[in-house]
Amino acid sequence: MGTISARVPDELEAELDAYLEDENLDRSTAVRKLLSEGLEEWRRERALDQLAAGTVTFSKAAELAGMSVWDFAQLARERDITWVADDHVDADLEAL
């Protein structure tokens, strides 16, 4: 396991201390948990941005987000991100 050291502003440290108390966690566990949650959110946002920009496929975006395609579809719907253009759907229907 690697070690990360960071200097934080006093306000952020005070907020972390409040979090430690509320969650009944030691500092190291709390920082790992918050970092993990932050990176998870970052992965999801990045995947949604790439999907919206059309630079990745839907299944690749779900993979990047670390989510099942069903959960990712729900997230994309909640964020009002369209990953299938109407012209693609029309073409697919005509092909059938």
PDB file of N, CA and C in Angstrom:
ATOM      1  N   MET A   1       0.855  -1.170   0.000  1.00  0.00           N
ATOM      2  CA  MET A   1       0.000   0.000   0.000  1.00  0.00           C
ATOM      3  C   MET A   1       0.897   1.227   0.000  1.00  0.00           C
ATOM      4  N   GLY A   2       0.585   2.174  -0.888  1.00  0.00           N
ATOM      5  CA  GLY A   2       1.370   3.395  -0.996  1.00  0.00           C
ATOM      6  C   GLY A   2       1.002   4.411   0.073  1.00  0.00           C
ATOM      7  N   THR A   3       1.834   5.405   0.193  1.00  0.00           N
ATOM      8  CA  THR A   3       1.615   6.479   1.155  1.00  0.00           C
ATOM      9  C   THR A   3       1.474   7.790   0.411  1.00  0.00           C
ATOM     10  N   ILE A   4       0.489   8.584   0.826  1.00  0.00           N
ATOM     11  CA  ILE A   4       0.277   9.905   0.244  1.00  0.00           C
ATOM     12  C   ILE A   4       0.321  10.919   1.375  1.00  0.00           C
ATOM     13  N   SER A   5       1.040  11.980   1.146  1.00  0.00           N
ATOM     14  CA  SER A   5       1.127  13.049   2.128  1.00  0.00           C
ATOM     15  C   SER A   5       0.687  14.342   1.455  1.00  0.00           C
ATOM     16  N   ALA A   6      -0.130  15.108   2.145  1.00  0.00           N
ATOM     17  CA  ALA A   6      -0.611  16.356   1.547  1.00  0.00           C
ATOM     18  C   ALA A   6      -0.797  17.417   2.621  1.00  0.00           C
ATOM     19  N   ARG A   7      -0.516  18.646   2.250  1.00  0.00           N
ATOM     20  CA  ARG A   7      -0.803  19.787   3.113  1.00  0.00           C
ATOM     21  C   ARG A   7      -2.173  20.309   2.711  1.00  0.00           C
ATOM     22  N   VAL A   8      -2.995  20.609   3.705  1.00  0.00           N
ATOM     23  CA  VAL A   8      -4.341  21.110   3.422  1.00  0.00           C
ATOM     24  C   VAL A   8      -4.573  22.386   4.218  1.00  0.00           C
ATOM     25  N   PRO A   9      -5.430  23.268   3.688  1.00  0.00           N
ATOM     26  CA  PRO A   9      -5.755  24.488   4.432  1.00  0.00           C
ATOM     27  C   PRO A   9      -6.419  24.145   5.772  1.00  0.00           C
ATOM     28  N   ASP A  10      -6.292  25.047   6.729  1.00  0.00           N
ATOM     29  CA  ASP A  10      -6.844  24.820   8.059  1.00  0.00           C
ATOM     30  C   ASP A  10      -8.337  24.535   8.015  1.00  0.00           C
ATOM     31  N   GLU A  11      -9.067  25.237   7.127  1.00  0.00           N
ATOM     32  CA  GLU A  11     -10.520  25.038   7.037  1.00  0.00           C
ATOM     33  C   GLU A  11     -10.850  23.615   6.602  1.00  0.00           C
ATOM     34  N   LEU A  12     -10.074  23.102   5.660  1.00  0.00           N
ATOM     35  CA  LEU A  12     -10.299  21.750   5.180  1.00  0.00           C
ATOM     36  C   LEU A  12      -9.964  20.730   6.265  1.00  0.00           C
ATOM     37  N   GLU A  13      -8.927  20.989   7.021  1.00  0.00           N
ATOM     38  CA  GLU A  13      -8.558  20.094   8.112  1.00  0.00           C
ATOM     39  C   GLU A  13      -9.640  20.091   9.184  1.00  0.00           C
ATOM     40  N   ALA A  14     -10.206  21.251   9.468  1.00  0.00           N
ATOM     41  CA  ALA A  14     -11.283  21.322  10.454  1.00  0.00           C
ATOM     42  C   ALA A  14     -12.506  20.544   9.976  1.00  0.00           C
ATOM     43  N   GLU A  15     -12.796  20.650   8.690  1.00  0.00           N
ATOM     44  CA  GLU A  15     -13.922  19.905   8.124  1.00  0.00           C
ATOM     45  C   GLU A  15     -13.651  18.403   8.169  1.00  0.00           C
ATOM     46  N   LEU A  16     -12.416  18.013   7.907  1.00  0.00           N
ATOM     47  CA  LEU A  16     -12.035  16.609   7.998  1.00  0.00           C
ATOM     48  C   LEU A  16     -12.199  16.108   9.426  1.00  0.00           C
ATOM     49  N   ASP A  17     -11.792  16.910  10.398  1.00  0.00           N
ATOM     50  CA  ASP A  17     -11.942  16.520  11.804  1.00  0.00           C
ATOM     51  C   ASP A  17     -13.413  16.318  12.166  1.00  0.00           C
ATOM     52  N   ALA A  18     -14.281  17.173  11.653  1.00  0.00           N
ATOM     53  CA  ALA A  18     -15.717  17.012  11.899  1.00  0.00           C
ATOM     54  C   ALA A  18     -16.210  15.718  11.255  1.00  0.00           C
ATOM     55  N   TYR A  19     -15.721  15.425  10.060  1.00  0.00           N
ATOM     56  CA  TYR A  19     -16.082  14.185   9.364  1.00  0.00           C
ATOM     57  C   TYR A  19     -15.630  12.972  10.175  1.00  0.00           C
ATOM     58  N   LEU A  20     -14.406  13.024  10.691  1.00  0.00           N
ATOM     59  CA  LEU A  20     -13.872  11.926  11.502  1.00  0.00           C
ATOM     60  C   LEU A  20     -14.781  11.644  12.694  1.00  0.00           C
ATOM     61  N   GLU A  21     -15.207  12.699  13.333  1.00  0.00           N
ATOM     62  CA  GLU A  21     -16.054  12.560  14.515  1.00  0.00           C
ATOM     63  C   GLU A  21     -17.432  12.011  14.134  1.00  0.00           C
ATOM     64  N   ASP A  22     -18.033  12.578  13.098  1.00  0.00           N
ATOM     65  CA  ASP A  22     -19.370  12.129  12.669  1.00  0.00           C
ATOM     66  C   ASP A  22     -19.368  10.681  12.212  1.00  0.00           C
ATOM     67  N   GLU A  23     -18.342  10.284  11.485  1.00  0.00           N
ATOM     68  CA  GLU A  23     -18.271   8.932  10.921  1.00  0.00           C
ATOM     69  C   GLU A  23     -17.565   7.941  11.850  1.00  0.00           C
ATOM     70  N   ASN A  24     -17.013   8.441  12.926  1.00  0.00           N
ATOM     71  CA  ASN A  24     -16.290   7.604  13.888  1.00  0.00           C
ATOM     72  C   ASN A  24     -15.166   6.810  13.204  1.00  0.00           C
ATOM     73  N   LEU A  25     -14.340   7.544  12.460  1.00  0.00           N
ATOM     74  CA  LEU A  25     -13.238   6.940  11.728  1.00  0.00           C
ATOM     75  C   LEU A  25     -11.915   7.547  12.169  1.00  0.00           C
ATOM     76  N   ASP A  26     -10.844   6.765  11.996  1.00  0.00           N
ATOM     77  CA  ASP A  26      -9.522   7.346  12.210  1.00  0.00           C
ATOM     78  C   ASP A  26      -9.156   8.133  10.951  1.00  0.00           C
ATOM     79  N   ARG A  27      -8.192   9.008  11.087  1.00  0.00           N
ATOM     80  CA  ARG A  27      -7.827   9.925  10.007  1.00  0.00           C
ATOM     81  C   ARG A  27      -7.447   9.191   8.726  1.00  0.00           C
ATOM     82  N   SER A  28      -6.643   8.167   8.828  1.00  0.00           N
ATOM     83  CA  SER A  28      -6.167   7.451   7.652  1.00  0.00           C
ATOM     84  C   SER A  28      -7.321   6.771   6.909  1.00  0.00           C
ATOM     85  N   THR A  29      -8.193   6.119   7.638  1.00  0.00           N
ATOM     86  CA  THR A  29      -9.345   5.458   7.028  1.00  0.00           C
ATOM     87  C   THR A  29     -10.264   6.477   6.365  1.00  0.00           C
ATOM     88  N   ALA A  30     -10.488   7.590   7.033  1.00  0.00           N
ATOM     89  CA  ALA A  30     -11.359   8.634   6.498  1.00  0.00           C
ATOM     90  C   ALA A  30     -10.794   9.213   5.204  1.00  0.00           C
ATOM     91  N   VAL A  31      -9.508   9.491   5.171  1.00  0.00           N
ATOM     92  CA  VAL A  31      -8.889  10.053   3.968  1.00  0.00           C
ATOM     93  C   VAL A  31      -8.964   9.053   2.827  1.00  0.00           C
ATOM     94  N   ARG A  32      -8.714   7.758   3.106  1.00  0.00           N
ATOM     95  CA  ARG A  32      -8.833   6.732   2.063  1.00  0.00           C
ATOM     96  C   ARG A  32     -10.257   6.668   1.525  1.00  0.00           C
ATOM     97  N   LYS A  33     -11.239   6.723   2.426  1.00  0.00           N
ATOM     98  CA  LYS A  33     -12.640   6.651   2.016  1.00  0.00           C
ATOM     99  C   LYS A  33     -13.019   7.853   1.152  1.00  0.00           C
ATOM    100  N   LEU A  34     -12.651   9.049   1.590  1.00  0.00           N
ATOM    101  CA  LEU A  34     -12.974  10.253   0.834  1.00  0.00           C
ATOM    102  C   LEU A  34     -12.263  10.283  -0.519  1.00  0.00           C
ATOM    103  N   LEU A  35     -11.020   9.848  -0.548  1.00  0.00           N
ATOM    104  CA  LEU A  35     -10.275   9.804  -1.803  1.00  0.00           C
ATOM    105  C   LEU A  35     -10.908   8.803  -2.763  1.00  0.00           C
ATOM    106  N   SER A  36     -11.292   7.662  -2.258  1.00  0.00           N
ATOM    107  CA  SER A  36     -11.941   6.645  -3.081  1.00  0.00           C
ATOM    108  C   SER A  36     -13.262   7.155  -3.645  1.00  0.00           C
ATOM    109  N   GLU A  37     -14.068   7.795  -2.808  1.00  0.00           N
ATOM    110  CA  GLU A  37     -15.348   8.347  -3.263  1.00  0.00           C
ATOM    111  C   GLU A  37     -15.150   9.449  -4.287  1.00  0.00           C
ATOM    112  N   GLY A  38     -14.154  10.288  -4.068  1.00  0.00           N
ATOM    113  CA  GLY A  38     -13.863  11.363  -5.009  1.00  0.00           C
ATOM    114  C   GLY A  38     -13.408  10.836  -6.352  1.00  0.00           C
ATOM    115  N   LEU A  39     -12.559   9.832  -6.349  1.00  0.00           N
ATOM    116  CA  LEU A  39     -12.083   9.256  -7.605  1.00  0.00           C
ATOM    117  C   LEU A  39     -13.198   8.512  -8.329  1.00  0.00           C
ATOM    118  N   GLU A  40     -14.082   7.867  -7.577  1.00  0.00           N
ATOM    119  CA  GLU A  40     -15.231   7.201  -8.184  1.00  0.00           C
ATOM    120  C   GLU A  40     -16.117   8.216  -8.904  1.00  0.00           C
ATOM    121  N   GLU A  41     -16.371   9.332  -8.262  1.00  0.00           N
ATOM    122  CA  GLU A  41     -17.174  10.396  -8.873  1.00  0.00           C
ATOM    123  C   GLU A  41     -16.459  10.963 -10.098  1.00  0.00           C
ATOM    124  N   TRP A  42     -15.160  11.141 -10.012  1.00  0.00           N
ATOM    125  CA  TRP A  42     -14.374  11.644 -11.141  1.00  0.00           C
ATOM    126  C   TRP A  42     -14.456  10.698 -12.333  1.00  0.00           C
ATOM    127  N   ARG A  43     -14.332   9.379 -12.080  1.00  0.00           N
ATOM    128  CA  ARG A  43     -14.434   8.393 -13.166  1.00  0.00           C
ATOM    129  C   ARG A  43     -15.792   8.479 -13.848  1.00  0.00           C
ATOM    130  N   ARG A  44     -16.834   8.601 -13.066  1.00  0.00           N
ATOM    131  CA  ARG A  44     -18.184   8.688 -13.632  1.00  0.00           C
ATOM    132  C   ARG A  44     -18.363   9.950 -14.467  1.00  0.00           C
ATOM    133  N   GLU A  45     -17.939  11.078 -13.936  1.00  0.00           N
ATOM    134  CA  GLU A  45     -18.073  12.349 -14.664  1.00  0.00           C
ATOM    135  C   GLU A  45     -17.262  12.327 -15.958  1.00  0.00           C
ATOM    136  N   ARG A  46     -16.065  11.779 -15.888  1.00  0.00           N
ATOM    137  CA  ARG A  46     -15.204  11.689 -17.064  1.00  0.00           C
ATOM    138  C   ARG A  46     -15.852  10.812 -18.135  1.00  0.00           C
ATOM    139  N   ALA A  47     -16.409   9.686 -17.708  1.00  0.00           N
ATOM    140  CA  ALA A  47     -17.072   8.781 -18.649  1.00  0.00           C
ATOM    141  C   ALA A  47     -18.298   9.450 -19.271  1.00  0.00           C
ATOM    142  N   LEU A  48     -19.073  10.153 -18.462  1.00  0.00           N
ATOM    143  CA  LEU A  48     -20.246  10.867 -18.984  1.00  0.00           C
ATOM    144  C   LEU A  48     -19.840  11.948 -19.981  1.00  0.00           C
ATOM    145  N   ASP A  49     -18.779  12.681 -19.667  1.00  0.00           N
ATOM    146  CA  ASP A  49     -18.291  13.724 -20.580  1.00  0.00           C
ATOM    147  C   ASP A  49     -17.845  13.125 -21.909  1.00  0.00           C
ATOM    148  N   GLN A  50     -17.117  12.017 -21.846  1.00  0.00           N
ATOM    149  CA  GLN A  50     -16.640  11.385 -23.074  1.00  0.00           C
ATOM    150  C   GLN A  50     -17.792  10.817 -23.885  1.00  0.00           C
ATOM    151  N   LEU A  51     -18.783  10.259 -23.199  1.00  0.00           N
ATOM    152  CA  LEU A  51     -19.955   9.739 -23.892  1.00  0.00           C
ATOM    153  C   LEU A  51     -20.705  10.873 -24.585  1.00  0.00           C
ATOM    154  N   ALA A  52     -20.923  11.960 -23.875  1.00  0.00           N
ATOM    155  CA  ALA A  52     -21.639  13.105 -24.439  1.00  0.00           C
ATOM    156  C   ALA A  52     -20.895  13.700 -25.627  1.00  0.00           C
ATOM    157  N   ALA A  53     -19.576  13.675 -25.573  1.00  0.00           N
ATOM    158  CA  ALA A  53     -18.757  14.214 -26.657  1.00  0.00           C
ATOM    159  C   ALA A  53     -18.664  13.248 -27.836  1.00  0.00           C
ATOM    160  N   GLY A  54     -19.085  12.010 -27.628  1.00  0.00           N
ATOM    161  CA  GLY A  54     -19.029  11.015 -28.690  1.00  0.00           C
ATOM    162  C   GLY A  54     -17.663  10.416 -28.910  1.00  0.00           C
ATOM    163  N   THR A  55     -16.773  10.543 -27.925  1.00  0.00           N
ATOM    164  CA  THR A  55     -15.416  10.011 -28.088  1.00  0.00           C
ATOM    165  C   THR A  55     -15.289   8.564 -27.639  1.00  0.00           C
ATOM    166  N   VAL A  56     -16.303   8.047 -26.928  1.00  0.00           N
ATOM    167  CA  VAL A  56     -16.314   6.638 -26.527  1.00  0.00           C
ATOM    168  C   VAL A  56     -17.710   6.074 -26.759  1.00  0.00           C
ATOM    169  N   THR A  57     -17.767   4.767 -26.886  1.00  0.00           N
ATOM    170  CA  THR A  57     -19.059   4.108 -27.008  1.00  0.00           C
ATOM    171  C   THR A  57     -19.724   4.039 -25.643  1.00  0.00           C
ATOM    172  N   PHE A  58     -20.998   3.725 -25.654  1.00  0.00           N
ATOM    173  CA  PHE A  58     -21.727   3.611 -24.398  1.00  0.00           C
ATOM    174  C   PHE A  58     -21.113   2.541 -23.499  1.00  0.00           C
ATOM    175  N   SER A  59     -20.832   1.370 -24.062  1.00  0.00           N
ATOM    176  CA  SER A  59     -20.281   0.288 -23.229  1.00  0.00           C
ATOM    177  C   SER A  59     -18.892   0.635 -22.704  1.00  0.00           C
ATOM    178  N   LYS A  60     -18.099   1.332 -23.508  1.00  0.00           N
ATOM    179  CA  LYS A  60     -16.770   1.760 -23.047  1.00  0.00           C
ATOM    180  C   LYS A  60     -16.911   2.791 -21.930  1.00  0.00           C
ATOM    181  N   ALA A  61     -17.874   3.701 -22.053  1.00  0.00           N
ATOM    182  CA  ALA A  61     -18.092   4.703 -21.010  1.00  0.00           C
ATOM    183  C   ALA A  61     -18.500   4.033 -19.703  1.00  0.00           C
ATOM    184  N   ALA A  62     -19.370   3.032 -19.790  1.00  0.00           N
ATOM    185  CA  ALA A  62     -19.777   2.296 -18.588  1.00  0.00           C
ATOM    186  C   ALA A  62     -18.567   1.619 -17.948  1.00  0.00           C
ATOM    187  N   GLU A  63     -17.717   1.053 -18.781  1.00  0.00           N
ATOM    188  CA  GLU A  63     -16.496   0.413 -18.279  1.00  0.00           C
ATOM    189  C   GLU A  63     -15.587   1.433 -17.600  1.00  0.00           C
ATOM    190  N   LEU A  64     -15.386   2.594 -18.248  1.00  0.00           N
ATOM    191  CA  LEU A  64     -14.548   3.647 -17.666  1.00  0.00           C
ATOM    192  C   LEU A  64     -15.099   4.123 -16.326  1.00  0.00           C
ATOM    193  N   ALA A  65     -16.424   4.159 -16.233  1.00  0.00           N
ATOM    194  CA  ALA A  65     -17.071   4.611 -14.999  1.00  0.00           C
ATOM    195  C   ALA A  65     -17.015   3.549 -13.912  1.00  0.00           C
ATOM    196  N   GLY A  66     -16.687   2.318 -14.288  1.00  0.00           N
ATOM    197  CA  GLY A  66     -16.653   1.227 -13.317  1.00  0.00           C
ATOM    198  C   GLY A  66     -18.054   0.799 -12.893  1.00  0.00           C
ATOM    199  N   MET A  67     -18.995   0.896 -13.837  1.00  0.00           N
ATOM    200  CA  MET A  67     -20.395   0.595 -13.541  1.00  0.00           C
ATOM    201  C   MET A  67     -20.929  -0.432 -14.537  1.00  0.00           C
ATOM    202  N   SER A  68     -22.009  -1.106 -14.145  1.00  0.00           N
ATOM    203  CA  SER A  68     -22.688  -1.976 -15.095  1.00  0.00           C
ATOM    204  C   SER A  68     -23.344  -1.088 -16.148  1.00  0.00           C
ATOM    205  N   VAL A  69     -23.619  -1.643 -17.319  1.00  0.00           N
ATOM    206  CA  VAL A  69     -24.246  -0.841 -18.358  1.00  0.00           C
ATOM    207  C   VAL A  69     -25.627  -0.372 -17.927  1.00  0.00           C
ATOM    208  N   TRP A  70     -26.319  -1.165 -17.122  1.00  0.00           N
ATOM    209  CA  TRP A  70     -27.659  -0.786 -16.662  1.00  0.00           C
ATOM    210  C   TRP A  70     -27.591   0.387 -15.697  1.00  0.00           C
ATOM    211  N   ASP A  71     -26.663   0.319 -14.753  1.00  0.00           N
ATOM    212  CA  ASP A  71     -26.507   1.424 -13.801  1.00  0.00           C
ATOM    213  C   ASP A  71     -26.019   2.684 -14.508  1.00  0.00           C
ATOM    214  N   PHE A  72     -25.120   2.493 -15.473  1.00  0.00           N
ATOM    215  CA  PHE A  72     -24.605   3.648 -16.198  1.00  0.00           C
ATOM    216  C   PHE A  72     -25.696   4.271 -17.060  1.00  0.00           C
ATOM    217  N   ALA A  73     -26.555   3.436 -17.645  1.00  0.00           N
ATOM    218  CA  ALA A  73     -27.670   3.956 -18.441  1.00  0.00           C
ATOM    219  C   ALA A  73     -28.584   4.808 -17.571  1.00  0.00           C
ATOM    220  N   GLN A  74     -28.832   4.356 -16.353  1.00  0.00           N
ATOM    221  CA  GLN A  74     -29.667   5.131 -15.428  1.00  0.00           C
ATOM    222  C   GLN A  74     -29.003   6.467 -15.100  1.00  0.00           C
ATOM    223  N   LEU A  75     -27.704   6.450 -14.847  1.00  0.00           N
ATOM    224  CA  LEU A  75     -26.972   7.684 -14.546  1.00  0.00           C
ATOM    225  C   LEU A  75     -27.012   8.638 -15.735  1.00  0.00           C
ATOM    226  N   ALA A  76     -26.783   8.116 -16.937  1.00  0.00           N
ATOM    227  CA  ALA A  76     -26.815   8.960 -18.135  1.00  0.00           C
ATOM    228  C   ALA A  76     -28.217   9.549 -18.320  1.00  0.00           C
ATOM    229  N   ARG A  77     -29.233   8.759 -18.056  1.00  0.00           N
ATOM    230  CA  ARG A  77     -30.601   9.260 -18.182  1.00  0.00           C
ATOM    231  C   ARG A  77     -30.867  10.360 -17.160  1.00  0.00           C
ATOM    232  N   GLU A  78     -30.412  10.161 -15.927  1.00  0.00           N
ATOM    233  CA  GLU A  78     -30.586  11.179 -14.886  1.00  0.00           C
ATOM    234  C   GLU A  78     -29.895  12.481 -15.260  1.00  0.00           C
ATOM    235  N   ARG A  79     -28.781  12.386 -15.950  1.00  0.00           N
ATOM    236  CA  ARG A  79     -28.019  13.569 -16.361  1.00  0.00           C
ATOM    237  C   ARG A  79     -28.472  14.098 -17.719  1.00  0.00           C
ATOM    238  N   ASP A  80     -29.471  13.456 -18.296  1.00  0.00           N
ATOM    239  CA  ASP A  80     -30.038  13.860 -19.587  1.00  0.00           C
ATOM    240  C   ASP A  80     -28.989  13.830 -20.695  1.00  0.00           C
ATOM    241  N   ILE A  81     -28.188  12.764 -20.707  1.00  0.00           N
ATOM    242  CA  ILE A  81     -27.167  12.581 -21.732  1.00  0.00           C
ATOM    243  C   ILE A  81     -27.665  11.544 -22.726  1.00  0.00           C
ATOM    244  N   THR A  82     -27.751  11.950 -23.976  1.00  0.00           N
ATOM    245  CA  THR A  82     -28.192  11.056 -25.044  1.00  0.00           C
ATOM    246  C   THR A  82     -26.971  10.413 -25.665  1.00  0.00           C
ATOM    247  N   TRP A  83     -26.989   9.108 -25.773  1.00  0.00           N
ATOM    248  CA  TRP A  83     -25.836   8.436 -26.361  1.00  0.00           C
ATOM    249  C   TRP A  83     -26.188   7.796 -27.705  1.00  0.00           C
ATOM    250  N   VAL A  84     -27.446   7.853 -28.066  1.00  0.00           N
ATOM    251  CA  VAL A  84     -27.858   7.336 -29.367  1.00  0.00           C
ATOM    252  C   VAL A  84     -28.580   8.456 -30.092  1.00  0.00           C
ATOM    253  N   ALA A  85     -28.065   8.847 -31.230  1.00  0.00           N
ATOM    254  CA  ALA A  85     -28.697   9.901 -32.007  1.00  0.00           C
ATOM    255  C   ALA A  85     -29.883   9.328 -32.773  1.00  0.00           C
ATOM    256  N   ASP A  86     -30.866  10.161 -33.012  1.00  0.00           N
ATOM    257  CA  ASP A  86     -32.065   9.724 -33.723  1.00  0.00           C
ATOM    258  C   ASP A  86     -31.742   9.123 -35.086  1.00  0.00           C
ATOM    259  N   ASP A  87     -30.779   9.705 -35.785  1.00  0.00           N
ATOM    260  CA  ASP A  87     -30.460   9.183 -37.113  1.00  0.00           C
ATOM    261  C   ASP A  87     -29.889   7.777 -37.043  1.00  0.00           C
ATOM    262  N   HIS A  88     -29.166   7.446 -35.962  1.00  0.00           N
ATOM    263  CA  HIS A  88     -28.652   6.083 -35.791  1.00  0.00           C
ATOM    264  C   HIS A  88     -29.790   5.113 -35.539  1.00  0.00           C
ATOM    265  N   VAL A  89     -30.746   5.521 -34.735  1.00  0.00           N
ATOM    266  CA  VAL A  89     -31.887   4.663 -34.450  1.00  0.00           C
ATOM    267  C   VAL A  89     -32.680   4.414 -35.727  1.00  0.00           C
ATOM    268  N   ASP A  90     -32.928   5.461 -36.482  1.00  0.00           N
ATOM    269  CA  ASP A  90     -33.665   5.319 -37.749  1.00  0.00           C
ATOM    270  C   ASP A  90     -32.952   4.369 -38.689  1.00  0.00           C
ATOM    271  N   ALA A  91     -31.649   4.523 -38.812  1.00  0.00           N
ATOM    272  CA  ALA A  91     -30.870   3.650 -39.700  1.00  0.00           C
ATOM    273  C   ALA A  91     -30.929   2.208 -39.228  1.00  0.00           C
ATOM    274  N   ASP A  92     -30.835   1.995 -37.915  1.00  0.00           N
ATOM    275  CA  ASP A  92     -30.917   0.646 -37.376  1.00  0.00           C
ATOM    276  C   ASP A  92     -32.287   0.032 -37.620  1.00  0.00           C
ATOM    277  N   LEU A  93     -33.349   0.832 -37.477  1.00  0.00           N
ATOM    278  CA  LEU A  93     -34.700   0.331 -37.710  1.00  0.00           C
ATOM    279  C   LEU A  93     -34.913  -0.008 -39.185  1.00  0.00           C
ATOM    280  N   GLU A  94     -34.372   0.802 -40.081  1.00  0.00           N
ATOM    281  CA  GLU A  94     -34.487   0.529 -41.514  1.00  0.00           C
ATOM    282  C   GLU A  94     -33.742  -0.734 -41.883  1.00  0.00           C
ATOM    283  N   ALA A  95     -32.634  -0.998 -41.223  1.00  0.00           N
ATOM    284  CA  ALA A  95     -31.841  -2.193 -41.501  1.00  0.00           C
ATOM    285  C   ALA A  95     -32.585  -3.459 -41.091  1.00  0.00           C
ATOM    286  N   LEU A  96     -33.501  -3.333 -40.152  1.00  0.00           N
ATOM    287  CA  LEU A  96     -34.266  -4.495 -39.719  1.00  0.00           C
ATOM    288  C   LEU A  96     -35.309  -4.826 -40.744  1.00  0.00           C
TER     289      LEU A  96
END
